[in-house]
């Protein structure tokens, strides 16, 4: 896992199903938002800056 992401507070969306399939988890840190595959947490997390994450969420809201 990427350095510094093991001690973050990870959570799934309330829209995620209870079966555990095809979900991502996010952890919000002071300078970035980290995203990982909930089925394989040993893989490195994707990291986006706060502004990049905000743009991504705005884009999804408009879709």
Protein backbone atom coordinates (compact mmCIF):
# COMPACT_ATOMS: atom_id res chain seq x y z
CA UNK A 1 0.00 0.00 0.00
CA UNK A 2 1.24 3.50 -0.65
CA UNK A 3 3.27 5.05 2.08
CA UNK A 4 1.19 6.91 4.63
CA UNK A 5 -2.21 5.43 3.75
CA UNK A 6 -2.33 2.56 6.25
CA UNK A 7 -3.40 4.73 9.19
CA UNK A 8 -6.15 6.65 7.38
CA UNK A 9 -9.85 6.33 8.23
CA UNK A 10 -11.29 4.56 5.16
CA UNK A 11 -15.01 4.46 4.40
CA UNK A 12 -17.39 3.33 1.67
CA UNK A 13 -20.29 5.30 0.28
CA UNK A 14 -23.67 4.78 1.89
CA UNK A 15 -24.77 3.76 -1.63
CA UNK A 16 -22.46 0.72 -1.56
CA UNK A 17 -24.20 -2.61 -1.28
CA UNK A 18 -23.63 -5.05 1.56
CA UNK A 19 -22.32 -7.77 -0.78
CA UNK A 20 -18.92 -6.07 -1.02
CA UNK A 21 -18.73 -6.17 -4.81
CA UNK A 22 -17.35 -3.38 -6.98
CA UNK A 23 -16.85 -0.83 -4.22
CA UNK A 24 -14.24 1.78 -3.61
CA UNK A 25 -13.27 3.30 -0.29
CA UNK A 26 -12.05 6.82 0.29
CA UNK A 27 -10.05 8.46 3.04
CA UNK A 28 -9.90 12.22 3.37
CA UNK A 29 -6.63 13.71 4.53
CA UNK A 30 -5.63 17.34 5.00
CA UNK A 31 -4.01 17.72 1.56
CA UNK A 32 -5.56 14.90 -0.47
CA UNK A 33 -8.31 12.35 -0.95
CA UNK A 34 -7.20 8.72 -1.22
CA UNK A 35 -9.20 6.11 -3.15
CA UNK A 36 -8.73 2.35 -3.03
CA UNK A 37 -10.40 -0.86 -4.19
CA UNK A 38 -12.28 -2.28 -1.20
CA UNK A 39 -11.84 -5.83 -2.52
CA UNK A 40 -8.03 -5.57 -2.66
CA UNK A 41 -6.74 -3.09 -0.10
CA UNK A 42 -3.18 -4.34 -0.60
CA UNK A 43 -3.00 -2.49 -3.92
CA UNK A 44 -1.74 1.11 -3.88
CA UNK A 45 -4.34 3.81 -3.32
CA UNK A 46 -5.02 6.50 -5.92
CA UNK A 47 -4.47 9.98 -4.50
CA UNK A 48 -6.09 13.20 -5.71
CA UNK A 49 -5.58 16.72 -4.44
CA UNK A 50 -8.53 18.38 -2.71
CA UNK A 51 -9.35 20.60 -5.71
CA UNK A 52 -9.02 17.75 -8.19
CA UNK A 53 -11.37 15.64 -6.07
CA UNK A 54 -13.86 18.51 -5.83
CA UNK A 55 -13.85 18.87 -9.63
CA UNK A 56 -14.41 15.12 -10.02
CA UNK A 57 -17.39 15.17 -7.62
CA UNK A 58 -18.89 18.20 -9.40
CA UNK A 59 -18.51 16.39 -12.73
CA UNK A 60 -20.31 13.31 -11.36
CA UNK A 61 -23.12 15.46 -9.98
CA UNK A 62 -23.69 16.87 -13.48
CA UNK A 63 -23.77 13.47 -15.24
